[in-house]
Protein backbone atom coordinates (compact mmCIF):
# COMPACT_ATOMS: atom_id res chain seq x y z
CA MET A 1 -17.04 -28.17 76.54
CA THR A 2 -17.16 -24.38 76.43
CA GLN A 3 -13.89 -22.53 76.08
CA ARG A 4 -13.25 -19.82 78.63
CA LYS A 5 -12.25 -16.43 77.30
CA SER A 6 -9.03 -16.44 79.30
CA GLU A 7 -7.89 -19.73 77.76
CA SER A 8 -5.53 -19.62 74.81
CA THR A 9 -6.07 -21.78 71.75
CA ARG A 10 -2.91 -23.12 70.12
CA LEU A 11 -2.16 -24.38 66.65
CA ASN A 12 1.02 -26.25 65.71
CA LEU A 13 1.69 -27.06 62.07
CA ARG A 14 4.53 -29.15 60.67
CA VAL A 15 5.27 -28.77 56.94
CA THR A 16 7.82 -30.93 55.12
CA HIS A 17 8.97 -29.32 51.88
CA LYS A 18 12.23 -29.26 49.94
CA GLN A 19 11.99 -25.45 49.85
CA ALA A 20 10.90 -24.96 53.46
CA PRO A 21 13.11 -21.85 53.93
CA ALA A 22 11.26 -20.10 51.09
CA LEU A 23 7.90 -21.00 52.64
CA ALA A 24 9.18 -19.74 55.99
CA ALA A 25 10.14 -16.43 54.41
CA SER A 26 6.54 -15.96 53.32
CA LEU A 27 5.43 -16.22 56.95
CA THR A 28 7.81 -13.62 58.37
CA THR A 29 5.01 -11.19 59.25
CA GLU A 30 2.29 -13.81 59.80
CA ALA A 31 3.38 -16.34 62.44
CA ARG A 32 6.12 -17.65 64.68
CA PHE A 33 8.05 -20.41 62.98
CA GLU A 34 11.23 -22.47 63.09
CA LEU A 35 13.14 -24.46 60.52
CA THR A 36 14.76 -27.76 61.42
CA ASP A 37 18.54 -27.99 61.25
CA ASP A 38 18.44 -29.53 57.77
CA ASP A 39 15.97 -26.86 56.51
CA SER A 40 13.48 -29.47 55.31
CA ILE A 41 10.76 -29.02 57.94
CA LEU A 42 8.93 -25.84 58.79
CA LEU A 43 7.34 -25.72 62.26
CA VAL A 44 4.66 -23.06 62.71
CA GLU A 45 3.02 -22.03 65.97
CA GLU A 46 -0.03 -19.83 66.35
CA ALA A 47 -2.03 -18.85 69.41
CA ALA A 48 -5.24 -16.90 69.89
CA ASN A 49 -7.79 -16.18 72.58
CA SER A 50 -10.68 -17.89 70.80
CA ILE A 51 -11.49 -20.57 68.26
CA VAL A 52 -12.78 -17.89 65.89
CA ASP A 53 -9.45 -16.04 66.06
CA ILE A 54 -7.36 -19.20 65.58
CA ARG A 55 -9.54 -20.12 62.59
CA ALA A 56 -8.89 -16.70 61.02
CA ARG A 57 -5.16 -17.07 61.64
CA TRP A 58 -5.23 -20.60 60.17
CA ASN A 59 -6.96 -19.31 57.03
CA THR A 60 -4.43 -16.49 56.60
CA LEU A 61 -1.54 -18.87 57.22
CA MET A 62 -2.81 -21.43 54.71
CA ARG A 63 -3.53 -18.83 52.02
CA GLY A 64 0.02 -17.54 52.37
CA LEU A 65 1.57 -21.00 52.25
CA ILE A 66 -0.53 -22.07 49.27
CA ALA A 67 0.32 -18.91 47.32
CA SER A 68 4.02 -19.32 48.11
CA GLU A 69 3.97 -22.97 47.10
CA HIS A 70 2.33 -22.08 43.80
CA VAL A 71 4.95 -19.41 43.09
CA LEU A 72 7.75 -21.85 43.94
CA GLY A 73 6.13 -24.36 41.58
CA ILE A 74 6.44 -21.96 38.66
CA GLY A 75 10.22 -22.34 38.75
CA GLY A 76 10.18 -26.14 38.74
CA ASP A 77 8.95 -29.20 40.58
CA SER A 78 8.19 -28.31 44.21
CA ASN A 79 6.00 -31.26 45.14
CA GLU A 80 7.44 -33.08 48.14
């Protein structure tokens, strides 16, 4: 199926992490996000007009999250 240019492509990502607020802070300028009431789950939403654009946004989002997770790991165990 071919995507029409007027259609929007959406990406929803759910990240469970004990330091979700810190990960969320790293996304302040990158994406729309929410934290659950207990601050353990980060919900990220992205939208773009094409698959190519959503892929670029996904790559940027993941690079930021990975870098943040590595920095958080320097201070102690962050694997959850």
